[in-house]
Amino acid sequence: MSNTYTIRTMTRAEVDFAVDWAAQEGWNPGLEDAQCYYQADPEGFLVGTVDDEPIAVISAVKYDDTFGFIGFYIVKPEYRGQGFGLKIWQAAMARLAGCNIGLDGVVEQQENYKKSGFVLAYSNRRYQGRSDKLAAQSTVDLEDLNALPHKTIERFLKPFFPVQRTGFWHAWQAQSNAKSLGVLIGGELQGIGVIRQCRDGYKIGPLFAQNAQQAEAIIGALSSKVECDCAVYLDVPACNSSAVELAEKLNMTPVFDTARMYTQMAPDIGIDKTFGVTSFEIG
């Protein structure tokens, strides 16, 4: 192994190429994901270099002293199998020491993650549909989220993630390639959804709702706001039977599964009302 292997924090510009690498791996990131992810934890992105050439990346986003999330674990193909990946993995785990750590891993790598103390909580499943097939007029009262106070949205989001992540959410909602809607019933926010442009088509995420009817209305309304006949993706917790049944009702096709794993007890994050995961990369 080269003695010049160095692991350090990425610059903001380097987060862009980490997202590019994710695109090359077929993960289909959003066009503005890098900016949003960086807001979650500017110190949370690591790069491994050999003679100043970036060869490995990983994110270890530390939301607070109790919870962190690992993603973007990629080593350039020609450098795999030489120990570089293990070293940057160890650096990421060390950065999050003491936290409950989550990840969405490749299902086939579950056994390797278990060796680092991760335990399977459930699977997430990516579904693909077409915007023209999903688009529909809403059957419930929907409001542009940008018209609502930030505090109202943050209060609604609190049960769906272990910690509050205000900076990330503001960036996520403000993406120039995104549309966001909320379900209002009696003036109370009961559901939200965001659709954003990706390298291929669009992704809906997050999608939180009280029931499948609300979730279906959000999917239909968001899909009607993008180009006709383009791919729309939705990442669904496979343990939420209502979400899986809705995706199948809408004739969306399963693409692949991930393994959601944690090093400690799985947090209570309202899975029964989660119809679309925000991000496989940072939770």
C-alpha atoms as a PDB file:
ATOM      1  CA  MET A   1       0.000   0.000   0.000  1.00  0.00           C
ATOM      2  CA  SER A   2       1.248   3.468  -0.820  1.00  0.00           C
ATOM      3  CA  ASN A   3       2.581   5.469   2.101  1.00  0.00           C
ATOM      4  CA  THR A   4       1.062   8.608   0.570  1.00  0.00           C
ATOM      5  CA  TYR A   5      -2.547   7.637   1.247  1.00  0.00           C
ATOM      6  CA  THR A   6      -4.152  10.590   3.048  1.00  0.00           C
ATOM      7  CA  ILE A   7      -7.676  10.947   4.446  1.00  0.00           C
ATOM      8  CA  ARG A   8      -9.024  14.448   4.998  1.00  0.00           C
ATOM      9  CA  THR A   9     -12.233  16.494   5.013  1.00  0.00           C
ATOM     10  CA  MET A  10     -13.583  17.357   1.563  1.00  0.00           C
ATOM     11  CA  THR A  11     -13.898  20.908   0.347  1.00  0.00           C
ATOM     12  CA  ARG A  12     -17.342  22.021  -0.785  1.00  0.00           C
ATOM     13  CA  ALA A  13     -16.256  21.587  -4.437  1.00  0.00           C
ATOM     14  CA  GLU A  14     -15.122  18.033  -3.735  1.00  0.00           C
ATOM     15  CA  VAL A  15     -18.585  17.090  -2.509  1.00  0.00           C
ATOM     16  CA  ASP A  16     -19.676  17.697  -6.112  1.00  0.00           C
ATOM     17  CA  PHE A  17     -17.379  14.995  -7.448  1.00  0.00           C
ATOM     18  CA  ALA A  18     -18.484  12.609  -4.695  1.00  0.00           C
ATOM     19  CA  VAL A  19     -22.013  13.046  -6.033  1.00  0.00           C
ATOM     20  CA  ASP A  20     -20.672  12.507  -9.559  1.00  0.00           C
ATOM     21  CA  TRP A  21     -19.123   9.231  -8.436  1.00  0.00           C
ATOM     22  CA  ALA A  22     -22.471   8.229  -6.935  1.00  0.00           C
ATOM     23  CA  ALA A  23     -24.071   8.922 -10.320  1.00  0.00           C
ATOM     24  CA  GLN A  24     -21.491   6.672 -11.994  1.00  0.00           C
ATOM     25  CA  GLU A  25     -22.430   3.923  -9.539  1.00  0.00           C
ATOM     26  CA  GLY A  26     -26.028   4.211 -10.733  1.00  0.00           C
ATOM     27  CA  TRP A  27     -27.387   5.832  -7.561  1.00  0.00           C
ATOM     28  CA  ASN A  28     -29.027   8.654  -9.543  1.00  0.00           C
ATOM     29  CA  PRO A  29     -28.480  11.636  -7.213  1.00  0.00           C
ATOM     30  CA  GLY A  30     -30.403  14.891  -7.509  1.00  0.00           C
ATOM     31  CA  LEU A  31     -28.906  17.767  -9.478  1.00  0.00           C
ATOM     32  CA  GLU A  32     -28.524  19.916  -6.347  1.00  0.00           C
ATOM     33  CA  ASP A  33     -27.941  17.179  -3.764  1.00  0.00           C
ATOM     34  CA  ALA A  34     -24.345  18.209  -3.044  1.00  0.00           C
ATOM     35  CA  GLN A  35     -25.328  21.663  -1.811  1.00  0.00           C
ATOM     36  CA  CYS A  36     -28.105  20.255   0.370  1.00  0.00           C
ATOM     37  CA  TYR A  37     -26.001  17.462   1.849  1.00  0.00           C
ATOM     38  CA  TYR A  38     -23.181  19.880   2.651  1.00  0.00           C
ATOM     39  CA  GLN A  39     -25.594  21.955   4.742  1.00  0.00           C
ATOM     40  CA  ALA A  40     -26.248  18.953   6.969  1.00  0.00           C
ATOM     41  CA  ASP A  41     -22.609  18.812   8.144  1.00  0.00           C
ATOM     42  CA  PRO A  42     -19.826  20.633   6.255  1.00  0.00           C
ATOM     43  CA  GLU A  43     -17.215  18.550   8.099  1.00  0.00           C
ATOM     44  CA  GLY A  44     -18.941  15.258   7.360  1.00  0.00           C
ATOM     45  CA  PHE A  45     -17.460  14.374   3.971  1.00  0.00           C
ATOM     46  CA  LEU A  46     -14.116  12.564   3.763  1.00  0.00           C
ATOM     47  CA  VAL A  47     -11.845  11.913   0.800  1.00  0.00           C
ATOM     48  CA  GLY A  48      -8.892   9.549   0.545  1.00  0.00           C
ATOM     49  CA  THR A  49      -6.097  10.588  -1.803  1.00  0.00           C
ATOM     50  CA  VAL A  50      -2.985   8.909  -3.188  1.00  0.00           C
ATOM     51  CA  ASP A  51      -0.413  11.445  -4.368  1.00  0.00           C
ATOM     52  CA  ASP A  52      -3.210  14.047  -4.264  1.00  0.00           C
ATOM     53  CA  GLU A  53      -5.477  11.945  -6.518  1.00  0.00           C
ATOM     54  CA  PRO A  54      -8.923  11.353  -4.944  1.00  0.00           C
ATOM     55  CA  ILE A  55      -9.494   7.592  -4.914  1.00  0.00           C
ATOM     56  CA  ALA A  56     -12.053   7.051  -2.125  1.00  0.00           C
ATOM     57  CA  VAL A  57     -14.939   8.980  -0.603  1.00  0.00           C
ATOM     58  CA  ILE A  58     -17.385   8.531   2.253  1.00  0.00           C
ATOM     59  CA  SER A  59     -19.798  10.724   4.192  1.00  0.00           C
ATOM     60  CA  ALA A  60     -20.091  10.582   7.972  1.00  0.00           C
ATOM     61  CA  VAL A  61     -22.703  13.217   8.705  1.00  0.00           C
ATOM     62  CA  LYS A  62     -22.906  13.975  12.415  1.00  0.00           C
ATOM     63  CA  TYR A  63     -26.264  15.533  13.191  1.00  0.00           C
ATOM     64  CA  ASP A  64     -25.541  15.881  16.911  1.00  0.00           C
ATOM     65  CA  ASP A  65     -23.758  13.917  19.635  1.00  0.00           C
ATOM     66  CA  THR A  66     -26.349  11.143  19.471  1.00  0.00           C
ATOM     67  CA  PHE A  67     -26.975  10.403  15.776  1.00  0.00           C
ATOM     68  CA  GLY A  68     -24.993  10.180  12.551  1.00  0.00           C
ATOM     69  CA  PHE A  69     -25.376   8.670   9.105  1.00  0.00           C
ATOM     70  CA  ILE A  70     -22.881   7.073   6.700  1.00  0.00           C
ATOM     71  CA  GLY A  71     -23.180   7.234   2.917  1.00  0.00           C
ATOM     72  CA  PHE A  72     -21.257   7.828  -0.321  1.00  0.00           C
ATOM     73  CA  TYR A  73     -18.912   4.921   0.461  1.00  0.00           C
ATOM     74  CA  ILE A  74     -17.126   4.597  -2.879  1.00  0.00           C
ATOM     75  CA  VAL A  75     -13.629   3.566  -3.926  1.00  0.00           C
ATOM     76  CA  LYS A  76     -12.460   4.026  -7.503  1.00  0.00           C
ATOM     77  CA  PRO A  77     -12.663   0.603  -9.207  1.00  0.00           C
ATOM     78  CA  GLU A  78      -8.927   0.364  -9.943  1.00  0.00           C
ATOM     79  CA  TYR A  79      -8.093   0.927  -6.254  1.00  0.00           C
ATOM     80  CA  ARG A  80     -10.516  -1.581  -4.765  1.00  0.00           C
ATOM     81  CA  GLY A  81      -9.312  -4.579  -2.790  1.00  0.00           C
ATOM     82  CA  GLN A  82      -6.159  -2.798  -1.574  1.00  0.00           C
ATOM     83  CA  GLY A  83      -7.294  -1.626   1.854  1.00  0.00           C
ATOM     84  CA  PHE A  84      -8.019   1.987   0.937  1.00  0.00           C
ATOM     85  CA  GLY A  85     -11.754   1.554   1.451  1.00  0.00           C
ATOM     86  CA  LEU A  86     -11.322  -0.025   4.873  1.00  0.00           C
ATOM     87  CA  LYS A  87      -9.165   2.866   6.084  1.00  0.00           C
ATOM     88  CA  ILE A  88     -11.636   5.560   5.036  1.00  0.00           C
ATOM     89  CA  TRP A  89     -14.483   3.463   6.504  1.00  0.00           C
ATOM     90  CA  GLN A  90     -12.625   3.347   9.823  1.00  0.00           C
ATOM     91  CA  ALA A  91     -12.109   7.121   9.703  1.00  0.00           C
ATOM     92  CA  ALA A  92     -15.839   7.646   9.145  1.00  0.00           C
ATOM     93  CA  MET A  93     -16.760   5.333  12.009  1.00  0.00           C
ATOM     94  CA  ALA A  94     -14.261   7.091  14.290  1.00  0.00           C
ATOM     95  CA  ARG A  95     -15.802  10.465  13.441  1.00  0.00           C
ATOM     96  CA  LEU A  96     -19.197   9.190  14.582  1.00  0.00           C
ATOM     97  CA  ALA A  97     -17.952   7.337  17.663  1.00  0.00           C
ATOM     98  CA  GLY A  98     -20.543   7.364  20.439  1.00  0.00           C
ATOM     99  CA  CYS A  99     -23.443   8.043  18.065  1.00  0.00           C
ATOM    100  CA  ASN A 100     -26.174   5.746  16.913  1.00  0.00           C
ATOM    101  CA  ILE A 101     -25.075   5.404  13.279  1.00  0.00           C
ATOM    102  CA  GLY A 102     -27.429   4.662  10.402  1.00  0.00           C
ATOM    103  CA  LEU A 103     -26.831   3.689   6.787  1.00  0.00           C
ATOM    104  CA  ASP A 104     -28.633   2.433   3.701  1.00  0.00           C
ATOM    105  CA  GLY A 105     -26.320  -0.257   2.402  1.00  0.00           C
ATOM    106  CA  VAL A 106     -26.233  -2.604  -0.532  1.00  0.00           C
ATOM    107  CA  VAL A 107     -28.152  -5.688   0.580  1.00  0.00           C
ATOM    108  CA  GLU A 108     -25.250  -7.975  -0.392  1.00  0.00           C
ATOM    109  CA  GLN A 109     -22.913  -6.103   2.004  1.00  0.00           C
ATOM    110  CA  GLN A 110     -25.021  -6.653   5.119  1.00  0.00           C
ATOM    111  CA  GLU A 111     -22.624  -9.183   6.601  1.00  0.00           C
ATOM    112  CA  ASN A 112     -19.689  -6.798   6.255  1.00  0.00           C
ATOM    113  CA  TYR A 113     -21.633  -4.012   7.962  1.00  0.00           C
ATOM    114  CA  LYS A 114     -22.573  -6.389  10.783  1.00  0.00           C
ATOM    115  CA  LYS A 115     -18.861  -6.817  11.502  1.00  0.00           C
ATOM    116  CA  SER A 116     -18.787  -3.086  12.323  1.00  0.00           C
ATOM    117  CA  GLY A 117     -21.714  -3.434  14.712  1.00  0.00           C
ATOM    118  CA  PHE A 118     -24.622  -2.625  12.398  1.00  0.00           C
ATOM    119  CA  VAL A 119     -27.953  -4.437  12.794  1.00  0.00           C
ATOM    120  CA  LEU A 120     -30.620  -4.682  10.100  1.00  0.00           C
ATOM    121  CA  ALA A 121     -33.716  -2.621  10.903  1.00  0.00           C
ATOM    122  CA  TYR A 122     -35.681  -3.020   7.645  1.00  0.00           C
ATOM    123  CA  SER A 123     -35.318  -2.726   3.880  1.00  0.00           C
ATOM    124  CA  ASN A 124     -36.021   0.286   1.703  1.00  0.00           C
ATOM    125  CA  ARG A 125     -37.230  -0.329  -1.836  1.00  0.00           C
ATOM    126  CA  ARG A 126     -36.834   1.982  -4.790  1.00  0.00           C
ATOM    127  CA  TYR A 127     -39.823   2.073  -7.146  1.00  0.00           C
ATOM    128  CA  GLN A 128     -39.962   3.604 -10.613  1.00  0.00           C
ATOM    129  CA  GLY A 129     -42.986   4.996 -12.421  1.00  0.00           C
ATOM    130  CA  ARG A 130     -43.726   7.454 -15.228  1.00  0.00           C
ATOM    131  CA  SER A 131     -44.825  11.010 -14.586  1.00  0.00           C
ATOM    132  CA  ASP A 132     -47.713  10.876 -17.054  1.00  0.00           C
ATOM    133  CA  LYS A 133     -49.055   7.690 -15.427  1.00  0.00           C
ATOM    134  CA  LEU A 134     -48.762   9.096 -11.912  1.00  0.00           C
ATOM    135  CA  ALA A 135     -49.986  12.649 -12.521  1.00  0.00           C
ATOM    136  CA  ALA A 136     -53.451  13.315 -11.143  1.00  0.00           C
ATOM    137  CA  GLN A 137     -55.532  16.132  -9.730  1.00  0.00           C
ATOM    138  CA  SER A 138     -55.446  16.234  -5.963  1.00  0.00           C
ATOM    139  CA  THR A 139     -58.358  14.897  -3.965  1.00  0.00           C
ATOM    140  CA  VAL A 140     -57.199  16.751  -0.839  1.00  0.00           C
ATOM    141  CA  ASP A 141     -56.282  20.357  -0.059  1.00  0.00           C
ATOM    142  CA  LEU A 142     -52.635  20.916  -1.001  1.00  0.00           C
ATOM    143  CA  GLU A 143     -50.496  23.990  -0.366  1.00  0.00           C
ATOM    144  CA  ASP A 144     -47.125  25.051  -1.746  1.00  0.00           C
ATOM    145  CA  LEU A 145     -44.737  24.487   1.167  1.00  0.00           C
ATOM    146  CA  ASN A 146     -42.925  27.720   0.324  1.00  0.00           C
ATOM    147  CA  ALA A 147     -46.081  29.569   1.407  1.00  0.00           C
ATOM    148  CA  LEU A 148     -45.936  28.076   4.894  1.00  0.00           C
ATOM    149  CA  PRO A 149     -43.821  29.281   7.844  1.00  0.00           C
ATOM    150  CA  HIS A 150     -40.590  27.356   8.378  1.00  0.00           C
ATOM    151  CA  LYS A 151     -41.557  26.696  11.984  1.00  0.00           C
ATOM    152  CA  THR A 152     -44.773  24.999  10.894  1.00  0.00           C
ATOM    153  CA  ILE A 153     -42.845  22.660   8.598  1.00  0.00           C
ATOM    154  CA  GLU A 154     -40.106  21.955  11.147  1.00  0.00           C
ATOM    155  CA  ARG A 155     -42.702  21.089  13.780  1.00  0.00           C
ATOM    156  CA  PHE A 156     -44.355  18.641  11.383  1.00  0.00           C
ATOM    157  CA  LEU A 157     -41.015  17.031  10.401  1.00  0.00           C
ATOM    158  CA  LYS A 158     -39.814  16.460  13.969  1.00  0.00           C
ATOM    159  CA  PRO A 159     -41.299  12.935  14.423  1.00  0.00           C
ATOM    160  CA  PHE A 160     -39.780  11.708  11.150  1.00  0.00           C
ATOM    161  CA  PHE A 161     -36.068  12.031  11.949  1.00  0.00           C
ATOM    162  CA  PRO A 162     -34.058  11.426  15.140  1.00  0.00           C
ATOM    163  CA  VAL A 163     -32.855  15.050  15.283  1.00  0.00           C
ATOM    164  CA  GLN A 164     -33.843  18.418  13.847  1.00  0.00           C
ATOM    165  CA  ARG A 165     -31.856  19.314  10.703  1.00  0.00           C
ATOM    166  CA  THR A 166     -32.978  22.825   9.891  1.00  0.00           C
ATOM    167  CA  GLY A 167     -30.164  23.905   7.560  1.00  0.00           C
ATOM    168  CA  PHE A 168     -30.465  20.790   5.438  1.00  0.00           C
ATOM    169  CA  TRP A 169     -34.231  21.097   5.159  1.00  0.00           C
ATOM    170  CA  HIS A 170     -34.140  24.766   4.142  1.00  0.00           C
ATOM    171  CA  ALA A 171     -31.678  23.890   1.349  1.00  0.00           C
ATOM    172  CA  TRP A 172     -33.742  20.850   0.313  1.00  0.00           C
ATOM    173  CA  GLN A 173     -36.959  22.832   0.031  1.00  0.00           C
ATOM    174  CA  ALA A 174     -35.221  25.701  -1.803  1.00  0.00           C
ATOM    175  CA  GLN A 175     -33.748  23.621  -4.650  1.00  0.00           C
ATOM    176  CA  SER A 176     -34.318  25.327  -7.981  1.00  0.00           C
ATOM    177  CA  ASN A 177     -35.241  21.989  -9.590  1.00  0.00           C
ATOM    178  CA  ALA A 178     -37.726  21.006  -6.878  1.00  0.00           C
ATOM    179  CA  LYS A 179     -41.410  21.406  -6.077  1.00  0.00           C
ATOM    180  CA  SER A 180     -42.896  20.869  -2.632  1.00  0.00           C
ATOM    181  CA  LEU A 181     -46.453  20.456  -1.404  1.00  0.00           C
ATOM    182  CA  GLY A 182     -48.187  19.993   1.925  1.00  0.00           C
ATOM    183  CA  VAL A 183     -51.538  18.526   2.958  1.00  0.00           C
ATOM    184  CA  LEU A 184     -53.593  21.049   4.918  1.00  0.00           C
ATOM    185  CA  ILE A 185     -56.671  19.891   6.792  1.00  0.00           C
ATOM    186  CA  GLY A 186     -58.420  22.425   8.998  1.00  0.00           C
ATOM    187  CA  GLY A 187     -55.372  24.641   8.664  1.00  0.00           C
ATOM    188  CA  GLU A 188     -53.136  21.892  10.101  1.00  0.00           C
ATOM    189  CA  LEU A 189     -50.176  20.483   8.152  1.00  0.00           C
ATOM    190  CA  GLN A 190     -50.659  16.713   7.926  1.00  0.00           C
ATOM    191  CA  GLY A 191     -48.370  15.638   5.097  1.00  0.00           C
ATOM    192  CA  ILE A 192     -45.541  16.853   2.880  1.00  0.00           C
ATOM    193  CA  GLY A 193     -43.812  15.803  -0.309  1.00  0.00           C
ATOM    194  CA  VAL A 194     -40.900  17.083  -2.383  1.00  0.00           C
ATOM    195  CA  ILE A 195     -40.027  16.155  -5.957  1.00  0.00           C
ATOM    196  CA  ARG A 196     -36.573  17.048  -7.288  1.00  0.00           C
ATOM    197  CA  GLN A 197     -34.806  16.616 -10.594  1.00  0.00           C
ATOM    198  CA  CYS A 198     -32.139  13.907 -10.709  1.00  0.00           C
ATOM    199  CA  ARG A 199     -29.600  12.749 -13.273  1.00  0.00           C
ATOM    200  CA  ASP A 200     -32.361  10.513 -14.596  1.00  0.00           C
ATOM    201  CA  GLY A 201     -35.900  11.770 -14.148  1.00  0.00           C
ATOM    202  CA  TYR A 202     -37.172  12.881 -10.740  1.00  0.00           C
ATOM    203  CA  LYS A 203     -37.363  11.540  -7.188  1.00  0.00           C
ATOM    204  CA  ILE A 204     -40.106  12.117  -4.672  1.00  0.00           C
ATOM    205  CA  GLY A 205     -38.672  12.366  -1.185  1.00  0.00           C
ATOM    206  CA  PRO A 206     -39.514  12.871   1.498  1.00  0.00           C
ATOM    207  CA  LEU A 207     -43.137  11.821   1.368  1.00  0.00           C
ATOM    208  CA  PHE A 208     -44.789  11.840   4.777  1.00  0.00           C
ATOM    209  CA  ALA A 209     -48.552  11.503   5.191  1.00  0.00           C
ATOM    210  CA  GLN A 210     -51.187  10.345   7.647  1.00  0.00           C
ATOM    211  CA  ASN A 211     -52.522   7.728   5.232  1.00  0.00           C
ATOM    212  CA  ALA A 212     -52.239   6.311   1.712  1.00  0.00           C
ATOM    213  CA  GLN A 213     -54.963   8.596   0.346  1.00  0.00           C
ATOM    214  CA  GLN A 214     -52.975  11.685   1.283  1.00  0.00           C
ATOM    215  CA  ALA A 215     -49.756  10.150  -0.031  1.00  0.00           C
ATOM    216  CA  GLU A 216     -51.399   9.273  -3.349  1.00  0.00           C
ATOM    217  CA  ALA A 217     -52.725  12.814  -3.704  1.00  0.00           C
ATOM    218  CA  ILE A 218     -49.241  14.253  -3.128  1.00  0.00           C
ATOM    219  CA  ILE A 219     -47.649  11.853  -5.621  1.00  0.00           C
ATOM    220  CA  GLY A 220     -50.247  12.749  -8.245  1.00  0.00           C
ATOM    221  CA  ALA A 221     -49.909  16.489  -7.740  1.00  0.00           C
ATOM    222  CA  LEU A 222     -46.090  16.460  -7.680  1.00  0.00           C
ATOM    223  CA  SER A 223     -45.891  14.252 -10.773  1.00  0.00           C
ATOM    224  CA  SER A 224     -48.137  16.683 -12.637  1.00  0.00           C
ATOM    225  CA  LYS A 225     -45.570  19.436 -12.037  1.00  0.00           C
ATOM    226  CA  VAL A 226     -42.742  17.812 -14.047  1.00  0.00           C
ATOM    227  CA  GLU A 227     -42.276  16.955 -17.712  1.00  0.00           C
ATOM    228  CA  CYS A 228     -44.617  14.407 -19.203  1.00  0.00           C
ATOM    229  CA  ASP A 229     -43.359  10.856 -19.702  1.00  0.00           C
ATOM    230  CA  CYS A 230     -40.236  11.010 -17.549  1.00  0.00           C
ATOM    231  CA  ALA A 231     -39.098   8.607 -14.838  1.00  0.00           C
ATOM    232  CA  VAL A 232     -40.283   9.239 -11.272  1.00  0.00           C
ATOM    233  CA  TYR A 233     -38.650   7.359  -8.394  1.00  0.00           C
ATOM    234  CA  LEU A 234     -39.926   6.739  -4.882  1.00  0.00           C
ATOM    235  CA  ASP A 235     -37.914   5.100  -2.081  1.00  0.00           C
ATOM    236  CA  VAL A 236     -40.315   3.208   0.177  1.00  0.00           C
ATOM    237  CA  PRO A 237     -39.719   1.524   3.560  1.00  0.00           C
ATOM    238  CA  ALA A 238     -40.601  -2.073   2.695  1.00  0.00           C
ATOM    239  CA  CYS A 239     -41.897  -2.590   6.244  1.00  0.00           C
ATOM    240  CA  ASN A 240     -44.660  -0.018   5.637  1.00  0.00           C
ATOM    241  CA  SER A 241     -47.265  -2.218   3.966  1.00  0.00           C
ATOM    242  CA  SER A 242     -49.478   0.772   3.110  1.00  0.00           C
ATOM    243  CA  ALA A 243     -46.603   2.439   1.238  1.00  0.00           C
ATOM    244  CA  VAL A 244     -45.726  -0.744  -0.649  1.00  0.00           C
ATOM    245  CA  GLU A 245     -49.378  -1.332  -1.561  1.00  0.00           C
ATOM    246  CA  LEU A 246     -49.672   2.253  -2.800  1.00  0.00           C
ATOM    247  CA  ALA A 247     -46.592   1.959  -5.027  1.00  0.00           C
ATOM    248  CA  GLU A 248     -47.957  -1.270  -6.476  1.00  0.00           C
ATOM    249  CA  LYS A 249     -51.439   0.226  -6.909  1.00  0.00           C
ATOM    250  CA  LEU A 250     -49.800   3.002  -8.964  1.00  0.00           C
ATOM    251  CA  ASN A 251     -48.075   0.333 -11.102  1.00  0.00           C
ATOM    252  CA  MET A 252     -44.614   1.455 -10.037  1.00  0.00           C
ATOM    253  CA  THR A 253     -41.875  -1.113 -10.635  1.00  0.00           C
ATOM    254  CA  PRO A 254     -39.363  -2.229  -7.974  1.00  0.00           C
ATOM    255  CA  VAL A 255     -35.800  -1.285  -8.966  1.00  0.00           C
ATOM    256  CA  PHE A 256     -33.661  -2.399  -6.017  1.00  0.00           C
ATOM    257  CA  ASP A 257     -33.617  -2.715  -2.216  1.00  0.00           C
ATOM    258  CA  THR A 258     -31.266  -1.282   0.381  1.00  0.00           C
ATOM    259  CA  ALA A 259     -30.634  -2.460   3.927  1.00  0.00           C
ATOM    260  CA  ARG A 260     -31.366   0.213   6.542  1.00  0.00           C
ATOM    261  CA  MET A 261     -29.078  -0.614   9.444  1.00  0.00           C
ATOM    262  CA  TYR A 262     -28.144   1.004  12.759  1.00  0.00           C
ATOM    263  CA  THR A 263     -25.423   0.429  15.349  1.00  0.00           C
ATOM    264  CA  GLN A 264     -27.921   0.905  18.179  1.00  0.00           C
ATOM    265  CA  MET A 265     -31.676   0.543  18.480  1.00  0.00           C
ATOM    266  CA  ALA A 266     -33.590   1.699  15.407  1.00  0.00           C
ATOM    267  CA  PRO A 267     -35.018   5.167  16.174  1.00  0.00           C
ATOM    268  CA  ASP A 268     -38.768   5.694  16.258  1.00  0.00           C
ATOM    269  CA  ILE A 269     -39.168   7.845  13.137  1.00  0.00           C
ATOM    270  CA  GLY A 270     -42.772   7.379  12.083  1.00  0.00           C
ATOM    271  CA  ILE A 271     -42.181   4.620   9.528  1.00  0.00           C
ATOM    272  CA  ASP A 272     -45.935   3.920   9.348  1.00  0.00           C
ATOM    273  CA  LYS A 273     -46.390   7.434   7.940  1.00  0.00           C
ATOM    274  CA  THR A 274     -43.272   7.410   5.760  1.00  0.00           C
ATOM    275  CA  PHE A 275     -44.294   6.772   2.159  1.00  0.00           C
ATOM    276  CA  GLY A 276     -41.031   8.075   0.677  1.00  0.00           C
ATOM    277  CA  VAL A 277     -37.534   8.272   2.217  1.00  0.00           C
ATOM    278  CA  THR A 278     -35.724  11.619   1.993  1.00  0.00           C
ATOM    279  CA  SER A 279     -32.271  10.280   1.091  1.00  0.00           C
ATOM    280  CA  PHE A 280     -30.364   7.005   1.022  1.00  0.00           C
ATOM    281  CA  GLU A 281     -27.134   9.000   1.360  1.00  0.00           C
ATOM    282  CA  ILE A 282     -27.740  10.987   4.556  1.00  0.00           C
ATOM    283  CA  GLY A 283     -30.958   9.533   5.969  1.00  0.00           C
END
